[in-house]
C-alpha cells in the first residue's frame, strides 16, 4: 500500500511485495539521480550569464580588489569605451560609480546611449560593488560613504574609504587601463551622494568632477555646512554638480536644499558649483537624470 505516495513496508507484506518494493525503490533512486544531474546542469547553465551578448555593457572587465586598508574586498567592474583597443596612446576620463552593483549596469548602458548621441565624450566607467544589498553579507555603504553621526554609531568611515580609493583602487585602475588621473569623476546617489559631498569638502582635488544625486544628509547635515579643505591646484578648481529631485522624500530633500542655499551664497568654494532641481523625480528615479545633467555640465566646461 502507499501512504502519501511513499511505500510503507510492514510485517503483513509477503515476499513478492518486498521484491516489488525493492525494485521500485531502485528505480526511484535511479530517476532521482538523473533528475539531480539534470538540475545541476540547468543550474550551471543558468548561472553562466554571457554578458558579451548584453551589448549595452560594452567591453566590460571584472576584478576583485582585497583592501588592506579596510580589511575587506570589493568587486570592481570596468567598461572601456568603444575604440579603446584601436587607440594605443589615448588616455580617457574615468567615471567612478558608487553602489556599482546596482548603478553600473544602469548607468554604463545609459552612458553608451549618451556617448553615441555625442552628449558626453568617450570615458572609462568603473563600478565599485559590494556584491550584495545586505550588511550581513558585506555591504558597508552606510559606513564607507558617510561622515560621523550621533544617530548611527556605524556611520563615519568616509575618510578610510577615501584612502582605499586613492591608495588602492586608483593605482590599480591607472596601472591597468589608460585612465587620466587628472580627469577622475565620481558619481554617488543618496548616501553615495553624501560621500561625493564629503570628498568635495575634505579633498576637493581627489576628483576633477563630482556628481551627487539626491544626497542624503538627514543624519549629519551640520558637518556638511562647514569648510574643511581648499583646492591644492589653484589654477583649476574641481567641479561639483548636485541634483535634487523635486519629489524626493522631504527628509532628504529639505537638508539638501539647505546645503544648496548655504554653499550657493559662498563665493570662496574649493569647487565650481552647479545645482539643479530634477523636476518630477523621486528619491529613486533621479540617478539617470543626475548622471546625464551632471556629466553634460562637467564636460561642456572641460
Protein backbone atom coordinates (compact mmCIF):
# COMPACT_ATOMS: atom_id res chain seq x y z
CA UNK A 1 0.00 0.00 0.00
CA UNK A 2 1.02 3.64 -0.18
CA UNK A 3 0.87 6.50 2.26
CA UNK A 4 1.19 9.96 0.76
CA UNK A 5 2.86 8.46 -2.30
CA UNK A 6 5.55 6.70 -0.20
CA UNK A 7 5.75 2.91 0.04
CA UNK A 8 5.25 1.57 3.60
CA UNK A 9 6.83 -1.76 4.36
CA UNK A 10 5.09 -3.63 7.18
CA UNK A 11 5.19 -7.20 8.57
CA UNK A 12 1.94 -8.08 6.73
CA UNK A 13 3.56 -7.81 3.25
CA UNK A 14 4.64 -11.01 1.57
CA UNK A 15 7.96 -11.70 -0.15
CA UNK A 16 6.67 -10.77 -3.63
CA UNK A 17 5.59 -7.38 -2.35
CA UNK A 18 9.01 -6.88 -0.77
CA UNK A 19 10.76 -7.70 -4.07
CA UNK A 20 8.40 -5.34 -5.89
CA UNK A 21 9.06 -2.60 -3.38
CA UNK A 22 12.81 -3.14 -3.68
CA UNK A 23 12.65 -2.86 -7.46
CA UNK A 24 10.55 0.30 -7.28
CA UNK A 25 12.94 1.80 -4.75
CA UNK A 26 15.91 1.18 -7.05
CA UNK A 27 14.05 2.74 -9.97
CA UNK A 28 13.09 5.77 -7.89
CA UNK A 29 16.66 6.23 -6.73
CA UNK A 30 17.92 5.98 -10.31
CA UNK A 31 15.38 8.53 -11.51
CA UNK A 32 16.26 10.82 -8.64
CA UNK A 33 19.90 10.60 -9.65
CA UNK A 34 19.10 11.50 -13.25
CA UNK A 35 16.97 14.42 -12.03
CA UNK A 36 19.76 15.72 -9.80
CA UNK A 37 22.25 15.62 -12.69
CA UNK A 38 19.76 17.41 -14.94
CA UNK A 39 19.03 20.11 -12.38
CA UNK A 40 22.73 20.64 -11.77
CA UNK A 41 23.33 21.11 -15.49
CA UNK A 42 20.43 23.56 -15.74
CA UNK A 43 21.64 25.47 -12.71
CA UNK A 44 25.18 25.64 -14.09
CA UNK A 45 23.96 26.84 -17.47
CA UNK A 46 21.69 29.44 -15.90
CA UNK A 47 24.39 30.91 -13.66
CA UNK A 48 26.85 31.42 -16.51
CA UNK A 49 25.44 34.68 -17.88
CA UNK A 50 27.08 35.73 -21.14
CA UNK A 51 27.41 39.48 -20.70
CA UNK A 52 29.05 39.75 -24.13
CA UNK A 53 25.55 39.39 -25.55
CA UNK A 54 24.44 42.42 -23.49
CA UNK A 55 25.93 44.96 -25.87
CA UNK A 56 24.83 47.78 -23.60
CA UNK A 57 27.62 46.77 -21.20
CA UNK A 58 30.22 47.11 -23.96
CA UNK A 59 33.75 45.89 -23.26
CA UNK A 60 33.40 45.16 -19.53
CA UNK A 61 36.12 43.68 -17.32
CA UNK A 62 35.99 42.41 -13.74
CA UNK A 63 38.49 42.35 -10.92
CA UNK A 64 38.26 41.75 -7.20
CA UNK A 65 40.26 44.12 -5.01
CA UNK A 66 41.16 42.99 -1.50
CA UNK A 67 41.69 46.14 0.52
CA UNK A 68 44.44 46.03 3.14
CA UNK A 69 43.29 49.43 4.40
CA UNK A 70 39.73 48.29 5.13
CA UNK A 71 40.30 44.57 5.58
CA UNK A 72 37.61 43.53 3.10
CA UNK A 73 37.08 43.21 -0.63
CA UNK A 74 35.24 44.98 -3.43
CA UNK A 75 34.01 43.81 -6.81
CA UNK A 76 35.14 46.24 -9.49
CA UNK A 77 33.67 46.41 -12.99
CA UNK A 78 35.42 48.39 -15.72
CA UNK A 79 33.81 49.28 -19.04
CA UNK A 80 36.12 50.55 -21.75
CA UNK A 81 34.85 52.98 -24.40
CA UNK A 82 34.28 51.91 -27.99
CA UNK A 83 37.51 52.01 -29.97
CA UNK A 84 39.70 51.72 -26.86
CA UNK A 85 41.75 48.85 -28.34
CA UNK A 86 42.42 50.82 -31.52
CA UNK A 87 43.80 53.90 -29.73
CA UNK A 88 47.13 52.87 -28.28
CA UNK A 89 48.23 56.17 -26.76
CA UNK A 90 45.00 57.89 -25.84
CA UNK A 91 44.00 58.32 -22.18
CA UNK A 92 40.39 58.69 -21.07
CA UNK A 93 38.39 60.43 -18.35
CA UNK A 94 37.23 57.87 -15.80
CA UNK A 95 33.85 57.89 -14.08
CA UNK A 96 33.71 56.04 -10.75
CA UNK A 97 30.23 54.82 -9.76
CA UNK A 98 29.44 54.16 -6.10
CA UNK A 99 26.89 51.39 -5.43
CA UNK A 100 28.21 49.83 -8.63
CA UNK A 101 26.32 46.57 -8.13
CA UNK A 102 23.13 48.46 -9.00
CA UNK A 103 24.30 51.59 -10.81
CA UNK A 104 26.99 50.12 -13.08
CA UNK A 105 24.60 48.14 -15.33
CA UNK A 106 22.11 51.02 -15.31
CA UNK A 107 24.44 53.93 -15.97
CA UNK A 108 27.11 52.29 -18.12
CA UNK A 109 24.42 51.31 -20.62
CA UNK A 110 22.94 54.82 -20.38
CA UNK A 111 26.41 56.31 -20.90
CA UNK A 112 26.70 54.40 -24.17
CA UNK A 113 23.45 55.98 -25.41
CA UNK A 114 24.61 59.46 -24.40
CA UNK A 115 28.04 58.86 -25.91
CA UNK A 116 26.51 57.63 -29.18
CA UNK A 117 24.48 60.84 -29.27
CA UNK A 118 27.70 62.82 -28.64
CA UNK A 119 26.33 64.33 -25.42
CA UNK A 120 29.32 63.18 -23.37
CA UNK A 121 32.80 62.15 -24.51
CA UNK A 122 34.48 58.75 -24.52
CA UNK A 123 35.17 57.64 -20.95
CA UNK A 124 36.08 54.64 -18.85
CA UNK A 125 33.33 53.61 -16.42
CA UNK A 126 34.29 51.96 -13.11
CA UNK A 127 31.62 50.40 -10.87
CA UNK A 128 32.53 49.70 -7.23
CA UNK A 129 30.28 46.94 -5.90
CA UNK A 130 29.79 45.12 -2.61
CA UNK A 131 28.17 42.22 -4.42
CA UNK A 132 25.15 42.30 -2.10
CA UNK A 133 22.49 44.61 -0.70
CA UNK A 134 22.78 43.16 2.82
CA UNK A 135 25.04 44.43 5.57
CA UNK A 136 25.33 40.88 6.94
CA UNK A 137 26.80 39.73 3.61
CA UNK A 138 29.28 42.58 3.32
CA UNK A 139 27.53 45.77 2.13
CA UNK A 140 29.25 48.51 4.16
CA UNK A 141 27.94 51.53 2.25
CA UNK A 142 26.42 53.03 5.43
CA UNK A 143 29.95 53.09 6.87
CA UNK A 144 32.07 53.78 3.79
CA UNK A 145 30.04 56.65 2.37
CA UNK A 146 29.27 58.65 5.49
CA UNK A 147 30.59 61.25 7.88
CA UNK A 148 30.05 60.59 11.59
CA UNK A 149 26.56 60.85 13.03
CA UNK A 150 25.38 60.83 16.64
CA UNK A 151 22.35 58.83 15.44
CA UNK A 152 24.30 55.93 13.93
CA UNK A 153 27.44 54.54 15.54
CA UNK A 154 28.40 52.66 12.38
CA UNK A 155 28.48 55.83 10.25
CA UNK A 156 31.75 57.70 9.77
CA UNK A 157 34.02 55.62 7.54
CA UNK A 158 34.29 58.05 4.63
CA UNK A 159 37.89 59.04 5.40
CA UNK A 160 39.09 55.42 5.30
CA UNK A 161 37.13 54.78 2.11
CA UNK A 162 38.87 57.79 0.56
CA UNK A 163 42.19 56.14 1.42
CA UNK A 164 41.05 52.94 -0.26
CA UNK A 165 40.26 54.91 -3.41
CA UNK A 166 43.46 56.96 -3.51
CA UNK A 167 45.93 54.32 -2.33
CA UNK A 168 44.48 51.07 -3.71
CA UNK A 169 41.77 51.49 -6.34
CA UNK A 170 43.16 54.41 -8.38
CA UNK A 171 46.65 52.87 -8.71
CA UNK A 172 45.12 49.60 -9.88
CA UNK A 173 42.86 51.25 -12.47
CA UNK A 174 45.52 53.64 -13.73
CA UNK A 175 48.12 50.88 -13.92
CA UNK A 176 45.93 48.54 -15.96
CA UNK A 177 43.96 50.99 -18.11
CA UNK A 178 44.70 54.26 -19.90
CA UNK A 179 42.87 56.34 -17.32
CA UNK A 180 43.54 60.07 -16.93
CA UNK A 181 44.46 60.82 -13.32
CA UNK A 182 43.56 64.48 -13.91
CA UNK A 183 40.04 63.64 -15.13
CA UNK A 184 38.58 61.41 -12.43
CA UNK A 185 34.84 61.83 -11.87
CA UNK A 186 32.78 60.37 -9.03
CA UNK A 187 29.04 59.71 -9.09
CA UNK A 188 27.03 58.83 -5.98
CA UNK A 189 23.35 58.61 -5.09
CA UNK A 190 21.65 59.01 -1.68
CA UNK A 191 24.32 58.29 0.94
CA UNK A 192 26.61 57.73 -2.03
CA UNK A 193 25.78 61.36 -2.79
CA UNK A 194 26.78 62.18 0.78
CA UNK A 195 30.22 60.70 0.07
CA UNK A 196 30.52 62.83 -3.07
CA UNK A 197 29.90 65.97 -0.99
CA UNK A 198 32.20 64.71 1.76
CA UNK A 199 35.02 64.33 -0.74
CA UNK A 200 34.34 67.69 -2.39
CA UNK A 201 34.59 69.35 1.03
CA UNK A 202 37.54 67.48 2.52
CA UNK A 203 39.68 66.51 -0.51
CA UNK A 204 38.42 68.61 -3.42
CA UNK A 205 41.28 67.54 -5.71
CA UNK A 206 40.82 63.79 -5.30
CA UNK A 207 38.38 64.04 -8.23
CA UNK A 208 38.21 66.54 -11.04
CA UNK A 209 34.43 66.17 -11.23
CA UNK A 210 31.78 65.33 -8.63
CA UNK A 211 28.14 64.42 -9.24
CA UNK A 212 25.83 63.99 -6.23
CA UNK A 213 22.31 62.67 -6.84
CA UNK A 214 19.72 63.27 -4.08
CA UNK A 215 22.39 63.33 -1.36
CA UNK A 216 21.14 62.01 1.99
CA UNK A 217 22.29 64.47 4.67
CA UNK A 218 19.46 63.92 7.12
CA UNK A 219 21.55 62.50 9.98
CA UNK A 220 24.63 64.74 9.91
CA UNK A 221 23.85 67.95 7.99
CA UNK A 222 25.94 70.27 10.27
CA UNK A 223 29.12 68.51 9.15
CA UNK A 224 28.39 69.50 5.53
CA UNK A 225 27.84 73.18 6.27
CA UNK A 226 31.46 73.73 7.27
CA UNK A 227 34.65 74.39 5.30
CA UNK A 228 37.38 71.74 5.54
CA UNK A 229 39.85 71.99 2.67
CA UNK A 230 40.99 74.18 -0.18
CA UNK A 231 41.91 73.09 -3.68
CA UNK A 232 45.63 72.45 -3.95
CA UNK A 233 45.64 73.34 -7.66
CA UNK A 234 44.65 77.00 -7.66
CA UNK A 235 44.63 77.25 -11.46
CA UNK A 236 41.81 74.74 -11.90
CA UNK A 237 39.15 74.20 -9.26
CA UNK A 238 37.31 70.90 -9.36
CA UNK A 239 33.64 70.86 -10.33
CA UNK A 240 30.62 69.81 -8.30
CA UNK A 241 27.10 69.09 -9.60
CA UNK A 242 24.24 68.45 -7.17
CA UNK A 243 20.90 67.18 -8.48
CA UNK A 244 17.83 67.14 -6.22
CA UNK A 245 14.55 65.50 -7.25
CA UNK A 246 11.59 67.83 -6.79
CA UNK A 247 9.62 64.87 -5.42
CA UNK A 248 12.38 63.50 -3.21
CA UNK A 249 11.37 62.37 0.28
CA UNK A 250 11.27 65.52 2.49
CA UNK A 251 13.73 64.01 4.98
CA UNK A 252 16.33 64.03 2.16
CA UNK A 253 15.05 66.98 0.14
CA UNK A 254 14.94 69.59 2.92
CA UNK A 255 18.56 69.10 4.13
CA UNK A 256 19.77 69.10 0.51
CA UNK A 257 18.03 72.41 -0.17
CA UNK A 258 19.59 73.85 2.99
CA UNK A 259 23.01 72.67 1.79
CA UNK A 260 22.41 74.22 -1.65
CA UNK A 261 21.33 77.54 -0.14
CA UNK A 262 24.37 77.61 2.14
CA UNK A 263 27.00 76.88 -0.49
CA UNK A 264 25.40 78.80 -3.37
CA UNK A 265 25.88 82.00 -1.36
CA UNK A 266 29.52 81.18 -0.59
CA UNK A 267 31.95 82.76 -3.05
CA UNK A 268 35.02 81.02 -1.64
CA UNK A 269 34.22 77.40 -2.52
CA UNK A 270 37.00 74.97 -3.39
CA UNK A 271 34.99 73.97 -6.47
CA UNK A 272 32.76 75.33 -9.18
CA UNK A 273 29.19 74.54 -8.15
CA UNK A 274 26.16 73.73 -10.29
CA UNK A 275 22.85 72.72 -8.72
CA UNK A 276 19.68 71.59 -10.44
CA UNK A 277 16.11 70.77 -9.49
CA UNK A 278 15.18 67.50 -11.18
CA UNK A 279 11.53 68.16 -11.89
CA UNK A 280 9.19 65.25 -11.19
CA UNK A 281 11.89 62.90 -9.89
CA UNK A 282 11.63 60.93 -6.66
CA UNK A 283 14.46 59.66 -4.50
CA UNK A 284 15.00 56.51 -6.55
CA UNK A 285 14.17 57.78 -10.04
CA UNK A 286 16.82 60.51 -10.03
CA UNK A 287 20.13 58.73 -10.81
CA UNK A 288 19.86 58.70 -14.63
CA UNK A 289 18.72 62.34 -14.71
CA UNK A 290 21.52 63.41 -12.33
CA UNK A 291 24.04 61.41 -14.34
CA UNK A 292 23.10 62.98 -17.67
CA UNK A 293 22.79 66.55 -16.42
CA UNK A 294 25.93 66.30 -14.32
CA UNK A 295 28.13 64.75 -16.99
CA UNK A 296 26.94 67.13 -19.71
CA UNK A 297 27.70 70.12 -17.45
CA UNK A 298 31.12 68.79 -16.38
CA UNK A 299 32.40 68.00 -19.84
CA UNK A 300 30.87 71.04 -21.55
CA UNK A 301 33.16 73.13 -19.36
CA UNK A 302 36.21 70.93 -19.96
